[in-house]
Amino acid sequence: MAINLQKGQRVDLTKGNPGLSKILVGLGWDPVQNRGGGGLLGSLFGGGGSANIDCDASVIMLGENDKIKSNNDVIYFGNLKSKDGSVQHTGDNLTGDGDGDDEQVLIDLTRVPSTIQKLVFVVNIYDCVKRKQHFGMIQNAFIRIVNSSNNQELIHFNLTDDYSGKTSLVVGELYRHGTDWKFAAVGTGTTASGLADVVRTYS
């Protein structure tokens, strides 16, 4: 059974799962369906249906004191694999339609360099300023961690806050605790206009 987390909770990942090394981190979201036709939503969504919102998941690899060492330590659709091969993004999903994960990241915990203390999972809306889009237009956002060796879901965190006006989400963090790895359910929305803005906060 997966552990369902609430915002702010932290949980041991490797301690309770001896031998765990390869994990899949799945991130998902759905566009809010607009049932009406008029008003603000109608103008945003073109009358009916759902907005075409392109969300992008990224991983920021941090060293000591939560500082980023190099732009190569940002794993996203433009840089799908870390130099050491420990973190690999499986590619961009342009719409968020459909069930299940929208984007996935594969991580080999044993290959993460000892200089990396934390992996931060971020979701941004592509071109959000120009498109006038924000996370109030997104629903059912989640992050989950799966044991790659047996496909068992270990952790699941649903983001249930109202993120209206927010253009970037820090979803969760994997971090070292001695020789083990822990996961923190963060779920914090920011008004960063893109991934570069988020990365700058760790420089």
C-alpha atoms as a PDB file:
ATOM      1  CA  MET A   1       0.000   0.000   0.000  1.00  0.00           C
ATOM      2  CA  ALA A   2       1.286   3.440  -0.914  1.00  0.00           C
ATOM      3  CA  ILE A   3       1.676   6.039   1.826  1.00  0.00           C
ATOM      4  CA  ASN A   4      -0.644   8.959   1.086  1.00  0.00           C
ATOM      5  CA  LEU A   5       0.944  12.186   2.257  1.00  0.00           C
ATOM      6  CA  GLN A   6      -0.490  15.562   3.207  1.00  0.00           C
ATOM      7  CA  LYS A   7       1.284  18.838   2.484  1.00  0.00           C
ATOM      8  CA  GLY A   8       4.254  19.316   4.808  1.00  0.00           C
ATOM      9  CA  GLN A   9       4.648  15.661   5.726  1.00  0.00           C
ATOM     10  CA  ARG A  10       7.960  13.833   5.447  1.00  0.00           C
ATOM     11  CA  VAL A  11       8.515  10.097   5.160  1.00  0.00           C
ATOM     12  CA  ASP A  12      11.419   7.674   4.983  1.00  0.00           C
ATOM     13  CA  LEU A  13      11.794   6.230   1.508  1.00  0.00           C
ATOM     14  CA  THR A  14      14.731   3.816   1.665  1.00  0.00           C
ATOM     15  CA  LYS A  15      14.697   2.934   5.371  1.00  0.00           C
ATOM     16  CA  GLY A  16      11.465   0.994   5.127  1.00  0.00           C
ATOM     17  CA  ASN A  17      12.341  -0.414   1.712  1.00  0.00           C
ATOM     18  CA  PRO A  18      15.740  -2.109   2.058  1.00  0.00           C
ATOM     19  CA  GLY A  19      17.572  -2.517  -1.236  1.00  0.00           C
ATOM     20  CA  LEU A  20      15.502   0.149  -2.975  1.00  0.00           C
ATOM     21  CA  SER A  21      17.667   1.824  -5.600  1.00  0.00           C
ATOM     22  CA  LYS A  22      15.736   2.493  -8.796  1.00  0.00           C
ATOM     23  CA  ILE A  23      12.555   4.527  -8.575  1.00  0.00           C
ATOM     24  CA  LEU A  24      10.096   6.107 -10.959  1.00  0.00           C
ATOM     25  CA  VAL A  25       8.720   9.509 -10.004  1.00  0.00           C
ATOM     26  CA  GLY A  26       5.412  10.161 -11.751  1.00  0.00           C
ATOM     27  CA  LEU A  27       3.813  13.601 -11.939  1.00  0.00           C
ATOM     28  CA  GLY A  28       0.303  14.183 -13.221  1.00  0.00           C
ATOM     29  CA  TRP A  29      -2.326  16.880 -13.676  1.00  0.00           C
ATOM     30  CA  ASP A  30      -5.514  17.552 -15.622  1.00  0.00           C
ATOM     31  CA  PRO A  31      -6.863  20.746 -17.184  1.00  0.00           C
ATOM     32  CA  VAL A  32      -9.967  22.027 -15.371  1.00  0.00           C
ATOM     33  CA  GLN A  33     -13.057  21.239 -17.423  1.00  0.00           C
ATOM     34  CA  ASN A  34     -15.240  24.242 -18.161  1.00  0.00           C
ATOM     35  CA  ARG A  35     -18.911  23.367 -18.172  1.00  0.00           C
ATOM     36  CA  GLY A  36     -20.190  26.840 -18.811  1.00  0.00           C
ATOM     37  CA  GLY A  37     -19.639  29.073 -21.766  1.00  0.00           C
ATOM     38  CA  GLY A  38     -19.714  32.652 -20.644  1.00  0.00           C
ATOM     39  CA  GLY A  39     -17.826  34.882 -18.282  1.00  0.00           C
ATOM     40  CA  LEU A  40     -14.137  34.829 -17.533  1.00  0.00           C
ATOM     41  CA  LEU A  41     -13.763  31.060 -17.826  1.00  0.00           C
ATOM     42  CA  GLY A  42     -15.574  31.064 -21.120  1.00  0.00           C
ATOM     43  CA  SER A  43     -13.161  33.600 -22.558  1.00  0.00           C
ATOM     44  CA  LEU A  44     -10.159  31.734 -21.160  1.00  0.00           C
ATOM     45  CA  PHE A  45     -11.225  28.350 -22.389  1.00  0.00           C
ATOM     46  CA  GLY A  46     -12.807  29.399 -25.641  1.00  0.00           C
ATOM     47  CA  GLY A  47     -16.379  28.575 -24.650  1.00  0.00           C
ATOM     48  CA  GLY A  48     -16.174  24.951 -23.621  1.00  0.00           C
ATOM     49  CA  GLY A  49     -13.909  21.984 -23.127  1.00  0.00           C
ATOM     50  CA  SER A  50     -10.542  22.415 -21.447  1.00  0.00           C
ATOM     51  CA  ALA A  51      -7.609  24.758 -21.808  1.00  0.00           C
ATOM     52  CA  ASN A  52      -4.560  23.608 -23.705  1.00  0.00           C
ATOM     53  CA  ILE A  53      -2.065  23.994 -20.875  1.00  0.00           C
ATOM     54  CA  ASP A  54       1.444  22.625 -21.320  1.00  0.00           C
ATOM     55  CA  CYS A  55       2.882  21.794 -17.895  1.00  0.00           C
ATOM     56  CA  ASP A  56       6.520  20.758 -17.624  1.00  0.00           C
ATOM     57  CA  ALA A  57       8.040  18.690 -14.820  1.00  0.00           C
ATOM     58  CA  SER A  58      11.658  19.290 -13.871  1.00  0.00           C
ATOM     59  CA  VAL A  59      14.184  18.094 -11.302  1.00  0.00           C
ATOM     60  CA  ILE A  60      16.686  20.467  -9.708  1.00  0.00           C
ATOM     61  CA  MET A  61      19.712  18.690  -8.183  1.00  0.00           C
ATOM     62  CA  LEU A  62      21.076  20.619  -5.193  1.00  0.00           C
ATOM     63  CA  GLY A  63      24.342  20.404  -3.283  1.00  0.00           C
ATOM     64  CA  GLU A  64      25.111  21.643   0.213  1.00  0.00           C
ATOM     65  CA  ASN A  65      23.007  24.465   1.645  1.00  0.00           C
ATOM     66  CA  ASP A  66      20.369  23.887  -1.060  1.00  0.00           C
ATOM     67  CA  LYS A  67      22.588  25.468  -3.722  1.00  0.00           C
ATOM     68  CA  ILE A  68      22.740  24.464  -7.371  1.00  0.00           C
ATOM     69  CA  LYS A  69      26.239  23.885  -8.738  1.00  0.00           C
ATOM     70  CA  SER A  70      25.643  23.874 -12.487  1.00  0.00           C
ATOM     71  CA  ASN A  71      22.895  24.336 -15.072  1.00  0.00           C
ATOM     72  CA  ASN A  72      23.572  20.702 -16.009  1.00  0.00           C
ATOM     73  CA  ASP A  73      21.955  19.805 -12.679  1.00  0.00           C
ATOM     74  CA  VAL A  74      18.535  20.899 -13.962  1.00  0.00           C
ATOM     75  CA  ILE A  75      16.774  17.963 -15.630  1.00  0.00           C
ATOM     76  CA  TYR A  76      13.864  18.996 -17.871  1.00  0.00           C
ATOM     77  CA  PHE A  77      12.581  18.595 -21.449  1.00  0.00           C
ATOM     78  CA  GLY A  78      15.643  20.435 -22.782  1.00  0.00           C
ATOM     79  CA  ASN A  79      18.157  18.380 -20.759  1.00  0.00           C
ATOM     80  CA  LEU A  80      16.665  14.928 -20.271  1.00  0.00           C
ATOM     81  CA  LYS A  81      19.520  13.235 -18.411  1.00  0.00           C
ATOM     82  CA  SER A  82      21.944  14.222 -15.652  1.00  0.00           C
ATOM     83  CA  LYS A  83      25.642  13.977 -16.519  1.00  0.00           C
ATOM     84  CA  ASP A  84      26.117  11.056 -14.130  1.00  0.00           C
ATOM     85  CA  GLY A  85      23.061   9.255 -15.512  1.00  0.00           C
ATOM     86  CA  SER A  86      21.333   9.040 -12.136  1.00  0.00           C
ATOM     87  CA  VAL A  87      18.312  11.145 -13.145  1.00  0.00           C
ATOM     88  CA  GLN A  88      16.504  10.717 -16.455  1.00  0.00           C
ATOM     89  CA  HIS A  89      13.384  12.537 -17.686  1.00  0.00           C
ATOM     90  CA  THR A  90      11.309  10.405 -20.067  1.00  0.00           C
ATOM     91  CA  GLY A  91      10.129  13.365 -22.170  1.00  0.00           C
ATOM     92  CA  ASP A  92       7.595  16.148 -22.542  1.00  0.00           C
ATOM     93  CA  ASN A  93       3.809  15.766 -22.491  1.00  0.00           C
ATOM     94  CA  LEU A  94       2.159  18.745 -24.151  1.00  0.00           C
ATOM     95  CA  THR A  95      -1.436  18.553 -22.897  1.00  0.00           C
ATOM     96  CA  GLY A  96      -1.910  16.734 -19.572  1.00  0.00           C
ATOM     97  CA  ASP A  97      -4.931  14.888 -20.971  1.00  0.00           C
ATOM     98  CA  GLY A  98      -5.624  11.287 -19.979  1.00  0.00           C
ATOM     99  CA  ASP A  99      -5.264   9.277 -16.779  1.00  0.00           C
ATOM    100  CA  GLY A 100      -2.087   8.400 -14.920  1.00  0.00           C
ATOM    101  CA  ASP A 101       1.305  10.091 -15.017  1.00  0.00           C
ATOM    102  CA  ASP A 102       1.761  12.938 -17.463  1.00  0.00           C
ATOM    103  CA  GLU A 103       5.523  13.049 -17.086  1.00  0.00           C
ATOM    104  CA  GLN A 104       7.947  10.630 -15.466  1.00  0.00           C
ATOM    105  CA  VAL A 105      11.472  10.784 -14.080  1.00  0.00           C
ATOM    106  CA  LEU A 106      13.626   7.698 -13.556  1.00  0.00           C
ATOM    107  CA  ILE A 107      16.126   7.869 -10.701  1.00  0.00           C
ATOM    108  CA  ASP A 108      18.899   5.500  -9.639  1.00  0.00           C
ATOM    109  CA  LEU A 109      19.526   6.532  -6.045  1.00  0.00           C
ATOM    110  CA  THR A 110      22.814   4.615  -5.907  1.00  0.00           C
ATOM    111  CA  ARG A 111      24.221   6.709  -8.771  1.00  0.00           C
ATOM    112  CA  VAL A 112      23.288  10.136  -7.403  1.00  0.00           C
ATOM    113  CA  PRO A 113      26.667  11.790  -6.642  1.00  0.00           C
ATOM    114  CA  SER A 114      27.495  12.183  -2.954  1.00  0.00           C
ATOM    115  CA  THR A 115      27.786  15.942  -3.565  1.00  0.00           C
ATOM    116  CA  ILE A 116      24.045  16.074  -4.339  1.00  0.00           C
ATOM    117  CA  GLN A 117      21.976  16.369  -1.169  1.00  0.00           C
ATOM    118  CA  LYS A 118      18.500  17.027  -2.529  1.00  0.00           C
ATOM    119  CA  LEU A 119      16.341  16.561  -5.626  1.00  0.00           C
ATOM    120  CA  VAL A 120      13.578  19.146  -5.994  1.00  0.00           C
ATOM    121  CA  PHE A 121      10.580  18.353  -8.218  1.00  0.00           C
ATOM    122  CA  VAL A 122       9.055  21.382  -9.924  1.00  0.00           C
ATOM    123  CA  VAL A 123       6.143  21.796 -12.342  1.00  0.00           C
ATOM    124  CA  ASN A 124       5.890  24.931 -14.497  1.00  0.00           C
ATOM    125  CA  ILE A 125       3.375  26.106 -17.092  1.00  0.00           C
ATOM    126  CA  TYR A 126       5.142  26.620 -20.397  1.00  0.00           C
ATOM    127  CA  ASP A 127       4.858  30.199 -21.722  1.00  0.00           C
ATOM    128  CA  CYS A 128       2.468  31.025 -18.859  1.00  0.00           C
ATOM    129  CA  VAL A 129       2.781  34.818 -19.082  1.00  0.00           C
ATOM    130  CA  LYS A 130       2.044  35.032 -22.788  1.00  0.00           C
ATOM    131  CA  ARG A 131      -0.797  32.519 -22.540  1.00  0.00           C
ATOM    132  CA  LYS A 132      -2.175  34.081 -19.324  1.00  0.00           C
ATOM    133  CA  GLN A 133      -2.325  30.664 -17.659  1.00  0.00           C
ATOM    134  CA  HIS A 134      -1.899  29.649 -14.017  1.00  0.00           C
ATOM    135  CA  PHE A 135      -2.349  26.606 -11.796  1.00  0.00           C
ATOM    136  CA  GLY A 136      -5.908  27.574 -10.895  1.00  0.00           C
ATOM    137  CA  MET A 137      -6.652  26.078 -14.338  1.00  0.00           C
ATOM    138  CA  ILE A 138      -5.176  22.728 -13.314  1.00  0.00           C
ATOM    139  CA  GLN A 139      -6.753  20.053 -11.134  1.00  0.00           C
ATOM    140  CA  ASN A 140      -5.888  16.572  -9.813  1.00  0.00           C
ATOM    141  CA  ALA A 141      -2.165  17.359  -9.595  1.00  0.00           C
ATOM    142  CA  PHE A 142      -0.066  14.693  -7.865  1.00  0.00           C
ATOM    143  CA  ILE A 143       3.382  13.236  -7.430  1.00  0.00           C
ATOM    144  CA  ARG A 144       4.024   9.567  -6.747  1.00  0.00           C
ATOM    145  CA  ILE A 145       7.074   7.379  -6.224  1.00  0.00           C
ATOM    146  CA  VAL A 146       7.168   3.835  -7.559  1.00  0.00           C
ATOM    147  CA  ASN A 147       9.671   1.039  -6.971  1.00  0.00           C
ATOM    148  CA  SER A 148      10.906   0.381 -10.520  1.00  0.00           C
ATOM    149  CA  SER A 149      11.809  -3.254  -9.784  1.00  0.00           C
ATOM    150  CA  ASN A 150       8.227  -4.354  -9.000  1.00  0.00           C
ATOM    151  CA  ASN A 151       6.059  -1.350  -9.992  1.00  0.00           C
ATOM    152  CA  GLN A 152       4.842  -0.982  -6.399  1.00  0.00           C
ATOM    153  CA  GLU A 153       3.666   2.529  -5.574  1.00  0.00           C
ATOM    154  CA  LEU A 154       5.399   3.638  -2.377  1.00  0.00           C
ATOM    155  CA  ILE A 155       4.343   7.262  -1.918  1.00  0.00           C
ATOM    156  CA  HIS A 156       1.472   9.361  -3.271  1.00  0.00           C
ATOM    157  CA  PHE A 157       0.860  13.073  -2.653  1.00  0.00           C
ATOM    158  CA  ASN A 158      -2.196  14.872  -4.053  1.00  0.00           C
ATOM    159  CA  LEU A 159      -1.891  18.652  -4.297  1.00  0.00           C
ATOM    160  CA  THR A 160      -5.238  19.950  -3.092  1.00  0.00           C
ATOM    161  CA  ASP A 161      -4.535  23.648  -2.388  1.00  0.00           C
ATOM    162  CA  ASP A 162      -6.011  26.442  -4.474  1.00  0.00           C
ATOM    163  CA  TYR A 163      -3.137  27.517  -6.720  1.00  0.00           C
ATOM    164  CA  SER A 164      -4.991  30.290  -8.564  1.00  0.00           C
ATOM    165  CA  GLY A 165      -2.520  32.898  -9.790  1.00  0.00           C
ATOM    166  CA  LYS A 166       0.459  30.599  -9.196  1.00  0.00           C
ATOM    167  CA  THR A 167       2.586  29.800 -12.241  1.00  0.00           C
ATOM    168  CA  SER A 168       5.068  27.376 -10.717  1.00  0.00           C
ATOM    169  CA  LEU A 169       4.763  24.536  -8.186  1.00  0.00           C
ATOM    170  CA  VAL A 170       7.479  23.051  -6.007  1.00  0.00           C
ATOM    171  CA  VAL A 171       5.802  19.670  -5.659  1.00  0.00           C
ATOM    172  CA  GLY A 172       8.151  17.632  -3.489  1.00  0.00           C
ATOM    173  CA  GLU A 173      11.734  16.919  -2.462  1.00  0.00           C
ATOM    174  CA  LEU A 174      13.874  13.816  -2.155  1.00  0.00           C
ATOM    175  CA  TYR A 175      16.727  14.413   0.253  1.00  0.00           C
ATOM    176  CA  ARG A 176      19.508  12.562   1.999  1.00  0.00           C
ATOM    177  CA  HIS A 177      19.200  11.754   5.688  1.00  0.00           C
ATOM    178  CA  GLY A 178      22.437  10.075   6.689  1.00  0.00           C
ATOM    179  CA  THR A 179      22.703   7.040   4.416  1.00  0.00           C
ATOM    180  CA  ASP A 180      18.970   7.024   3.679  1.00  0.00           C
ATOM    181  CA  TRP A 181      16.668   9.029   1.417  1.00  0.00           C
ATOM    182  CA  LYS A 182      13.515  10.774   2.614  1.00  0.00           C
ATOM    183  CA  PHE A 183      10.662  12.439   0.742  1.00  0.00           C
ATOM    184  CA  ALA A 184       8.986  15.716   1.698  1.00  0.00           C
ATOM    185  CA  ALA A 185       5.553  16.685   0.354  1.00  0.00           C
ATOM    186  CA  VAL A 186       6.045  20.409  -0.347  1.00  0.00           C
ATOM    187  CA  GLY A 187       3.171  21.604  -2.558  1.00  0.00           C
ATOM    188  CA  THR A 188       4.211  25.275  -2.603  1.00  0.00           C
ATOM    189  CA  GLY A 189       3.010  27.566  -5.393  1.00  0.00           C
ATOM    190  CA  THR A 190       5.043  30.543  -6.603  1.00  0.00           C
ATOM    191  CA  THR A 191       4.666  33.246  -9.224  1.00  0.00           C
ATOM    192  CA  ALA A 192       7.923  32.384 -11.011  1.00  0.00           C
ATOM    193  CA  SER A 193       7.433  33.026 -14.717  1.00  0.00           C
ATOM    194  CA  GLY A 194       9.454  29.985 -15.761  1.00  0.00           C
ATOM    195  CA  LEU A 195      11.928  27.312 -14.732  1.00  0.00           C
ATOM    196  CA  ALA A 196      14.870  29.728 -14.952  1.00  0.00           C
ATOM    197  CA  ASP A 197      13.240  31.908 -12.272  1.00  0.00           C
ATOM    198  CA  VAL A 198      12.857  28.897  -9.968  1.00  0.00           C
ATOM    199  CA  VAL A 199      16.446  27.780 -10.546  1.00  0.00           C
ATOM    200  CA  ARG A 200      17.712  31.266  -9.655  1.00  0.00           C
ATOM    201  CA  THR A 201      16.265  30.934  -6.152  1.00  0.00           C
ATOM    202  CA  TYR A 202      18.762  28.116  -5.532  1.00  0.00           C
ATOM    203  CA  SER A 203      21.825  29.880  -6.960  1.00  0.00           C
END
